[in-house]
Amino acid sequence: MKPVSELLKKHDGTLWHLRPSDTVFAALQLLANYEVGALMVMEGSRLVGVFSERDYTRKIALQGLSSRDTLVSEIMSRQIVSVTPRTDTRECMSLMSEKKIRHLPVIDGTTVLGMISIRDIMDDIIADHESTIAQLENYIQS
């Protein structure tokens, strides 16, 4: 399995995030624009939470609150589960399954490097399997 740092290379150093003072509506617009399911919530360079589609559906839509009037800080997930760039993808899968989450911020010391999703991990697993199959087919044909 690869370390998370390899998966982050595909993100080109992009740190998609929002601020705690942003409205939930603005956060939803960013999710749609970036075509992602979660964003990191940052105060300057410090990670203070994660905002996800799940936060919206459970804390706004189901409770009848207004996304235009509610701030991200009011509903974001504050219990941050994160990994380091050296964490391997298998550990990430286990952590995501255990914690029932789909996104993991990647932090090196105090530096936020990015966030990976279950989709990133699945794409990597599929690519590894396709490579193994191709190698086995070449071996059988030779």
Protein backbone atom coordinates (compact mmCIF):
# COMPACT_ATOMS: atom_id res chain seq x y z
CA MET A 1 0.00 0.00 0.00
CA LYS A 2 1.11 3.55 -0.73
CA PRO A 3 1.64 6.32 1.77
CA VAL A 4 -0.94 9.11 1.73
CA SER A 5 1.69 11.55 0.40
CA GLU A 6 1.44 9.72 -2.95
CA LEU A 7 -2.32 10.30 -3.13
CA LEU A 8 -1.89 14.00 -2.30
CA LYS A 9 0.31 14.47 -5.38
CA LYS A 10 -2.82 14.11 -7.52
CA HIS A 11 -4.32 17.15 -5.74
CA ASP A 12 -1.49 19.44 -6.90
CA GLY A 13 -1.14 21.01 -3.44
CA THR A 14 -4.71 22.29 -3.47
CA LEU A 15 -6.02 23.19 -0.02
CA TRP A 16 -9.75 23.62 -0.54
CA HIS A 17 -11.16 25.08 2.61
CA LEU A 18 -13.53 27.60 4.10
CA ARG A 19 -13.73 29.72 7.23
CA PRO A 20 -15.86 29.11 10.34
CA SER A 21 -17.56 32.46 9.70
CA ASP A 22 -18.78 31.42 6.22
CA THR A 23 -22.45 30.59 5.86
CA VAL A 24 -23.50 27.02 5.27
CA PHE A 25 -24.99 28.18 1.95
CA ALA A 26 -21.57 29.50 0.84
CA ALA A 27 -20.03 26.21 1.95
CA LEU A 28 -22.55 24.26 -0.15
CA GLN A 29 -21.67 26.41 -3.16
CA LEU A 30 -17.98 25.56 -2.68
CA LEU A 31 -18.75 21.84 -2.36
CA ALA A 32 -20.65 22.03 -5.65
CA ASN A 33 -17.98 24.13 -7.40
CA TYR A 34 -15.15 21.80 -6.37
CA GLU A 35 -17.31 18.66 -6.81
CA VAL A 36 -16.28 17.33 -3.39
CA GLY A 37 -18.18 16.02 -0.38
CA ALA A 38 -16.25 17.83 2.36
CA LEU A 39 -14.02 20.82 2.99
CA MET A 40 -11.56 21.66 5.72
CA VAL A 41 -12.51 24.56 7.97
CA MET A 42 -9.48 26.75 8.62
CA GLU A 43 -8.68 29.75 10.79
CA GLY A 44 -5.59 31.08 9.08
CA SER A 45 -3.32 28.07 8.71
CA ARG A 46 -4.95 26.14 11.58
CA LEU A 47 -7.44 23.35 10.93
CA VAL A 48 -10.44 23.80 13.24
CA GLY A 49 -12.99 21.46 11.70
CA VAL A 50 -14.40 19.65 8.70
CA PHE A 51 -17.64 20.55 6.93
CA SER A 52 -19.32 17.77 4.95
CA GLU A 53 -22.51 17.06 3.08
CA ARG A 54 -23.39 14.83 6.01
CA ASP A 55 -23.12 17.81 8.39
CA TYR A 56 -25.53 19.71 6.17
CA THR A 57 -28.11 16.96 5.82
CA ARG A 58 -28.15 16.02 9.50
CA LYS A 59 -27.77 19.43 11.11
CA ILE A 60 -29.54 21.78 8.69
CA ALA A 61 -31.91 19.96 6.36
CA LEU A 62 -33.34 17.53 8.92
CA GLN A 63 -33.66 20.20 11.61
CA GLY A 64 -35.32 22.73 9.32
CA LEU A 65 -32.60 25.38 9.76
CA SER A 66 -31.65 27.90 7.11
CA SER A 67 -28.36 27.36 5.28
CA ARG A 68 -28.25 31.10 4.47
CA ASP A 69 -28.47 32.09 8.16
CA THR A 70 -26.36 29.37 9.78
CA LEU A 71 -22.58 29.64 10.06
CA VAL A 72 -20.25 26.76 9.30
CA SER A 73 -18.87 27.04 12.85
CA GLU A 74 -22.30 26.10 14.22
CA ILE A 75 -22.48 22.71 12.47
CA MET A 76 -18.96 21.68 11.41
CA SER A 77 -17.42 18.53 12.81
CA ARG A 78 -14.94 19.63 15.46
CA GLN A 79 -13.63 16.17 16.32
CA ILE A 80 -10.99 16.00 13.61
CA VAL A 81 -9.66 12.60 12.64
CA SER A 82 -6.49 13.10 10.63
CA VAL A 83 -3.50 11.20 9.26
CA THR A 84 0.11 12.02 8.44
CA PRO A 85 1.66 11.89 4.96
CA ARG A 86 3.37 8.64 5.99
CA THR A 87 0.13 6.84 6.86
CA ASP A 88 -0.53 4.08 4.34
CA THR A 89 -3.79 3.77 2.46
CA ARG A 90 -4.75 0.53 4.22
CA GLU A 91 -4.59 2.30 7.61
CA CYS A 92 -6.71 5.11 6.16
CA MET A 93 -9.35 2.64 5.00
CA SER A 94 -9.48 1.04 8.43
CA LEU A 95 -9.73 4.41 10.15
CA MET A 96 -12.48 5.59 7.83
CA SER A 97 -14.43 2.40 8.38
CA GLU A 98 -13.98 2.46 12.15
CA LYS A 99 -14.91 6.15 12.52
CA LYS A 100 -17.61 6.03 9.78
CA ILE A 101 -16.09 8.95 7.89
CA ARG A 102 -15.26 9.54 4.23
CA HIS A 103 -12.60 12.26 4.43
CA LEU A 104 -9.27 12.54 6.21
CA PRO A 105 -7.22 15.71 6.56
CA VAL A 106 -3.50 15.10 6.13
CA ILE A 107 -1.34 16.98 8.62
CA ASP A 108 2.43 17.00 9.02
CA GLY A 109 3.18 18.39 12.48
CA THR A 110 1.17 21.61 12.47
CA THR A 111 1.10 21.99 8.68
CA VAL A 112 -2.12 21.07 6.88
CA LEU A 113 -1.19 19.40 3.58
CA GLY A 114 -4.62 18.54 2.20
CA MET A 115 -7.44 16.07 2.51
CA ILE A 116 -8.05 12.66 0.98
CA SER A 117 -11.35 10.94 0.45
CA ILE A 118 -12.52 7.37 0.28
CA ARG A 119 -12.74 7.94 -3.49
CA ASP A 120 -8.99 8.71 -3.62
CA ILE A 121 -8.25 5.47 -1.81
CA MET A 122 -10.62 3.39 -3.95
CA ASP A 123 -9.15 4.86 -7.17
CA ASP A 124 -5.68 3.91 -5.93
CA ILE A 125 -6.76 0.36 -5.05
CA ILE A 126 -8.39 -0.10 -8.45
CA ALA A 127 -5.26 1.19 -10.22
CA ASP A 128 -3.11 -1.23 -8.20
CA HIS A 129 -5.39 -4.15 -9.06
CA GLU A 130 -5.37 -3.25 -12.76
CA SER A 131 -1.58 -3.09 -12.70
CA THR A 132 -1.35 -6.49 -11.00
CA ILE A 133 -3.75 -8.02 -13.53
CA ALA A 134 -1.73 -6.61 -16.44
CA GLN A 135 1.50 -7.98 -14.96
CA LEU A 136 -0.06 -11.41 -14.47
CA GLU A 137 -1.42 -11.43 -18.02
CA ASN A 138 2.02 -10.52 -19.38
CA TYR A 139 3.59 -13.27 -17.28
CA ILE A 140 1.09 -15.87 -18.51
CA GLN A 141 1.57 -14.83 -22.16
CA SER A 142 5.37 -15.06 -22.03
